N, C-alpha and C. Protein backbone atom coordinates (compact mmCIF):
# COMPACT_ATOMS: atom_id res chain seq x y z
N UNK A 1 -9.03 41.87 -45.55
CA UNK A 1 -8.68 42.73 -44.90
C UNK A 1 -7.66 44.06 -44.43
N UNK A 2 -7.81 45.28 -44.60
CA UNK A 2 -7.47 46.60 -44.46
C UNK A 2 -7.11 46.20 -42.95
N UNK A 3 -5.50 46.55 -42.61
CA UNK A 3 -5.49 46.50 -40.95
C UNK A 3 -5.22 47.87 -40.65
N UNK A 4 -4.91 48.96 -41.95
CA UNK A 4 -4.33 50.41 -41.72
C UNK A 4 -4.52 51.18 -42.87
N UNK A 5 -5.52 52.57 -42.62
CA UNK A 5 -5.65 53.04 -43.76
C UNK A 5 -4.51 53.50 -44.31
N UNK A 6 -3.37 53.65 -43.99
CA UNK A 6 -2.26 53.54 -44.81
C UNK A 6 -2.11 52.81 -46.34
N UNK A 7 -2.78 51.45 -45.73
CA UNK A 7 -2.37 50.13 -46.95
C UNK A 7 -3.60 50.97 -48.77
N UNK A 8 -4.45 51.85 -48.31
CA UNK A 8 -5.43 52.26 -49.11
C UNK A 8 -4.96 52.94 -49.74
N UNK A 9 -5.22 52.88 -51.11
CA UNK A 9 -4.66 53.71 -52.35
C UNK A 9 -6.05 53.83 -52.83
N UNK A 10 -5.60 55.57 -52.97
CA UNK A 10 -6.45 56.55 -54.03
C UNK A 10 -6.14 56.97 -55.08
N UNK A 11 -6.98 56.63 -56.33
CA UNK A 11 -6.60 57.25 -57.32
C UNK A 11 -7.47 58.20 -58.80
N UNK A 12 -7.54 59.38 -58.68
CA UNK A 12 -8.58 60.12 -59.35
C UNK A 12 -7.93 59.12 -60.91
N UNK A 13 -9.10 58.61 -61.61
CA UNK A 13 -8.47 58.41 -62.78
C UNK A 13 -9.28 58.81 -64.28
N UNK A 14 -9.05 59.12 -65.15
CA UNK A 14 -9.85 59.04 -66.67
C UNK A 14 -9.42 58.28 -67.09
N UNK A 15 -10.87 57.36 -67.63
CA UNK A 15 -10.78 56.18 -68.21
C UNK A 15 -11.71 56.65 -69.87
N UNK A 16 -11.28 56.16 -70.63
CA UNK A 16 -11.69 55.97 -71.77
C UNK A 16 -12.32 54.58 -72.45
N UNK A 17 -13.34 54.85 -72.42
CA UNK A 17 -14.17 53.32 -72.60
C UNK A 17 -14.48 53.45 -73.70
N UNK A 18 -14.61 52.11 -74.47
CA UNK A 18 -15.07 51.63 -75.24
C UNK A 18 -15.84 50.06 -75.42
N UNK A 19 -17.05 50.58 -74.81
CA UNK A 19 -18.52 49.26 -74.76
C UNK A 19 -17.79 48.50 -73.01
N UNK A 20 -17.08 49.41 -72.53
CA UNK A 20 -16.47 48.80 -70.77
C UNK A 20 -17.50 48.49 -69.87
N UNK A 21 -17.55 48.27 -68.84
CA UNK A 21 -18.30 48.54 -67.68
C UNK A 21 -19.34 47.76 -67.16
N UNK A 22 -19.64 46.62 -67.92
CA UNK A 22 -20.91 45.82 -68.00
C UNK A 22 -20.46 44.15 -67.40
N UNK A 23 -20.66 42.81 -67.27
CA UNK A 23 -20.75 42.09 -66.66
C UNK A 23 -19.61 41.34 -67.83
N UNK A 24 -19.54 41.22 -69.06
CA UNK A 24 -19.10 40.75 -69.69
C UNK A 24 -17.51 41.55 -70.04
N UNK A 25 -18.15 42.93 -70.58
CA UNK A 25 -16.73 43.64 -71.04
C UNK A 25 -16.54 43.94 -69.59
N UNK A 26 -15.29 43.66 -68.25
CA UNK A 26 -14.98 43.84 -67.45
C UNK A 26 -13.82 45.36 -66.93
N UNK A 27 -14.10 46.46 -66.32
CA UNK A 27 -13.05 46.98 -66.06
C UNK A 27 -12.24 45.82 -64.63
N UNK A 28 -11.13 45.49 -65.09
CA UNK A 28 -11.07 44.60 -64.27
C UNK A 28 -9.89 45.88 -63.15
N UNK A 29 -9.65 45.42 -62.11
CA UNK A 29 -9.34 45.97 -60.71
C UNK A 29 -7.51 46.10 -61.01
N UNK A 30 -7.04 44.99 -61.65
CA UNK A 30 -5.40 44.74 -61.65
C UNK A 30 -5.17 46.26 -63.25
N UNK A 31 -6.22 45.83 -64.03
CA UNK A 31 -5.79 46.97 -65.05
C UNK A 31 -6.13 48.62 -64.48
N UNK A 32 -6.52 48.51 -63.36
CA UNK A 32 -6.65 50.06 -63.04
C UNK A 32 -5.79 50.68 -61.58
N UNK A 33 -4.55 48.98 -61.52
CA UNK A 33 -3.63 49.15 -60.87
C UNK A 33 -3.97 48.79 -59.26
N UNK A 34 -4.85 47.79 -59.31
CA UNK A 34 -5.36 47.42 -57.47
C UNK A 34 -5.77 45.91 -57.77
N UNK A 35 -5.39 45.76 -56.18
CA UNK A 35 -5.65 43.95 -56.27
C UNK A 35 -6.99 43.58 -55.86
N UNK A 36 -7.41 45.00 -54.94
CA UNK A 36 -8.65 44.60 -54.60
C UNK A 36 -9.37 46.51 -54.55
N UNK A 37 -10.37 46.38 -55.48
CA UNK A 37 -11.18 47.54 -55.83
C UNK A 37 -12.11 47.84 -54.39
N UNK A 38 -12.37 48.98 -53.39
CA UNK A 38 -13.08 48.94 -52.64
C UNK A 38 -14.10 49.86 -52.70
N UNK A 39 -14.23 51.09 -53.33
CA UNK A 39 -14.68 51.87 -53.36
C UNK A 39 -14.44 52.90 -54.32
N UNK A 40 -15.53 53.53 -54.50
CA UNK A 40 -15.10 54.75 -55.41
C UNK A 40 -16.65 55.81 -55.73
N UNK A 41 -16.37 57.15 -56.57
CA UNK A 41 -17.13 57.53 -56.57
C UNK A 41 -18.01 57.36 -57.96
N UNK A 42 -18.79 58.15 -57.92
CA UNK A 42 -19.74 58.40 -59.38
C UNK A 42 -18.74 58.52 -60.38
N UNK A 43 -19.13 58.38 -61.70
CA UNK A 43 -18.53 58.65 -62.65
C UNK A 43 -18.98 60.22 -63.44
N UNK A 44 -18.20 60.70 -63.64
CA UNK A 44 -18.77 61.56 -64.79
C UNK A 44 -17.76 61.70 -65.96
N UNK A 45 -18.80 62.14 -67.22
CA UNK A 45 -18.81 61.58 -68.14
C UNK A 45 -17.34 63.01 -68.80
N UNK A 46 -17.09 63.23 -69.58
CA UNK A 46 -16.40 63.81 -70.08
C UNK A 46 -17.07 65.47 -71.24
N UNK A 47 -17.92 64.96 -71.48
CA UNK A 47 -19.30 65.74 -71.74
C UNK A 47 -20.04 66.68 -70.73
N UNK A 48 -19.86 66.23 -69.61
CA UNK A 48 -20.46 66.87 -68.71
C UNK A 48 -21.82 66.82 -68.43
N UNK A 49 -22.45 65.56 -69.76
CA UNK A 49 -23.91 65.59 -69.63
C UNK A 49 -24.28 64.98 -68.73
N UNK A 50 -23.84 63.96 -68.19
CA UNK A 50 -24.85 63.26 -67.19
C UNK A 50 -23.54 62.31 -66.33
N UNK A 51 -23.94 61.58 -65.48
CA UNK A 51 -23.21 60.76 -64.28
C UNK A 51 -22.98 59.61 -64.98
N UNK A 52 -23.11 58.39 -64.71
CA UNK A 52 -22.60 56.82 -64.40
C UNK A 52 -21.93 56.71 -63.06
N UNK A 53 -23.08 56.16 -62.31
CA UNK A 53 -23.07 55.30 -60.44
C UNK A 53 -22.04 54.30 -61.22
N UNK A 54 -21.21 54.41 -60.29
CA UNK A 54 -19.78 52.64 -60.24
C UNK A 54 -20.37 51.88 -58.90
N UNK A 55 -19.86 50.71 -58.86
CA UNK A 55 -19.39 50.09 -57.75
C UNK A 55 -18.54 49.13 -57.85
N UNK A 56 -17.86 48.81 -57.24
CA UNK A 56 -17.52 47.58 -57.32
C UNK A 56 -17.73 46.23 -57.30
N UNK A 57 -17.20 45.40 -57.61
CA UNK A 57 -17.93 43.74 -57.12
C UNK A 57 -17.87 43.27 -56.15
N UNK A 58 -18.87 42.26 -55.64
CA UNK A 58 -18.80 41.99 -54.16
C UNK A 58 -17.07 41.87 -53.99
N UNK A 59 -16.57 40.96 -54.77
CA UNK A 59 -15.49 40.29 -54.42
C UNK A 59 -14.05 41.38 -54.95
N UNK A 60 -14.72 42.84 -55.62
CA UNK A 60 -14.26 43.92 -55.25
C UNK A 60 -12.63 43.86 -56.76
N UNK A 61 -12.65 42.67 -57.62
CA UNK A 61 -12.20 42.23 -58.80
C UNK A 61 -12.57 43.06 -59.77
N UNK A 62 -13.34 43.79 -59.92
CA UNK A 62 -13.95 44.57 -61.39
C UNK A 62 -14.75 45.96 -60.73
N UNK A 63 -14.72 46.31 -61.71
CA UNK A 63 -15.61 48.08 -61.56
C UNK A 63 -16.72 47.58 -62.51
N UNK A 64 -17.85 48.02 -61.76
CA UNK A 64 -19.41 47.93 -62.48
C UNK A 64 -19.71 49.51 -62.83
N UNK A 65 -20.57 49.43 -63.72
CA UNK A 65 -20.96 51.07 -64.32
C UNK A 65 -22.51 50.97 -64.51
N UNK A 66 -23.17 51.77 -63.40
CA UNK A 66 -24.61 51.92 -63.81
C UNK A 66 -24.93 52.55 -64.64
N UNK A 67 -26.42 52.78 -65.20
CA UNK A 67 -27.16 54.23 -65.62
C UNK A 67 -28.74 53.93 -65.31
N UNK A 68 -28.85 54.96 -64.67
CA UNK A 68 -30.63 55.35 -63.83
C UNK A 68 -31.32 55.88 -65.07
N UNK A 69 -30.91 55.96 -66.64
CA UNK A 69 -32.06 56.25 -67.64
C UNK A 69 -32.05 55.23 -68.35
N UNK A 70 -31.89 54.12 -67.50
CA UNK A 70 -32.20 52.89 -68.45
C UNK A 70 -33.62 52.67 -68.01
N UNK A 71 -34.90 52.51 -69.25
CA UNK A 71 -36.15 52.54 -69.37
C UNK A 71 -36.98 51.32 -68.66
N UNK A 72 -36.02 49.98 -68.46
CA UNK A 72 -37.06 49.05 -68.55
C UNK A 72 -36.25 48.47 -66.69
N UNK A 73 -37.61 48.58 -65.59
CA UNK A 73 -37.23 48.59 -64.68
C UNK A 73 -36.59 47.19 -64.26
N UNK A 74 -36.63 45.99 -64.54
CA UNK A 74 -35.64 44.96 -64.43
C UNK A 74 -34.42 45.33 -64.82
N UNK A 75 -34.22 46.11 -66.31
CA UNK A 75 -32.35 46.11 -66.57
C UNK A 75 -31.79 46.68 -65.75
N UNK A 76 -32.77 47.93 -65.19
CA UNK A 76 -32.10 49.19 -64.65
C UNK A 76 -30.80 48.71 -63.14
N UNK A 77 -30.84 47.76 -63.08
CA UNK A 77 -29.81 47.40 -61.63
C UNK A 77 -29.08 46.70 -61.82
N UNK A 78 -28.86 46.46 -63.68
CA UNK A 78 -28.16 45.51 -64.35
C UNK A 78 -26.33 46.42 -64.94
N UNK A 79 -24.97 46.04 -64.68
CA UNK A 79 -24.09 46.99 -64.90
C UNK A 79 -24.25 47.35 -66.30
N UNK A 80 -24.17 48.37 -66.85
CA UNK A 80 -23.67 48.50 -68.27
C UNK A 80 -23.01 48.51 -69.51
N UNK A 81 -22.64 48.15 -70.44
CA UNK A 81 -21.53 48.92 -71.49
C UNK A 81 -21.12 50.47 -71.49
N UNK A 82 -20.31 51.17 -71.28
CA UNK A 82 -20.18 52.83 -71.65
C UNK A 82 -19.14 52.73 -73.17
N UNK A 83 -19.25 53.54 -73.49
CA UNK A 83 -18.51 54.20 -74.89
C UNK A 83 -18.49 55.84 -74.30
N UNK A 84 -17.67 56.15 -74.03
CA UNK A 84 -17.07 57.54 -73.19
C UNK A 84 -16.23 57.54 -72.69
N UNK A 85 -15.47 58.72 -72.61
CA UNK A 85 -14.74 59.30 -71.60
C UNK A 85 -15.09 59.26 -70.37
N UNK A 86 -14.60 58.66 -69.26
CA UNK A 86 -14.96 59.39 -67.74
C UNK A 86 -14.00 59.43 -66.46
N UNK A 87 -14.71 60.39 -65.81
CA UNK A 87 -13.14 60.52 -64.75
C UNK A 87 -14.01 60.06 -62.99
N UNK A 88 -13.30 59.00 -62.43
CA UNK A 88 -14.09 58.89 -61.15
C UNK A 88 -12.89 58.89 -60.12
N UNK A 89 -13.18 57.95 -59.07
CA UNK A 89 -12.18 58.81 -57.52
C UNK A 89 -12.41 56.82 -57.42
N UNK A 90 -10.88 55.97 -57.43
CA UNK A 90 -11.14 54.74 -56.99
C UNK A 90 -10.15 54.64 -56.11
N UNK A 91 -10.76 53.57 -54.92
CA UNK A 91 -9.82 53.60 -53.76
C UNK A 91 -9.77 51.79 -53.74
N UNK A 92 -8.57 51.41 -53.34
CA UNK A 92 -7.85 49.93 -53.18
C UNK A 92 -7.11 49.88 -52.69
N UNK A 93 -6.66 48.40 -52.52
CA UNK A 93 -5.47 47.97 -52.17
C UNK A 93 -4.62 47.35 -53.14
């Protein structure tokens, strides 16, 4: 529970990923300097060609990435592994 907005930290991050972002190869909150991730923006790829949706795990311990370009409906809501340089803003405690 966040009792004060002063307890929330915002970071604009550039991440160089090599297959992270899914449920197996995770982007952990502690790696990003947080105890718990509360929210984030979409992630812009360095090529500016596209973006990835991003969201914290239910418990805030991980950051997941998603792609709307996945062609199989059953797989679209699942986190994906990304190999790219991305930029996004993450906030948490």
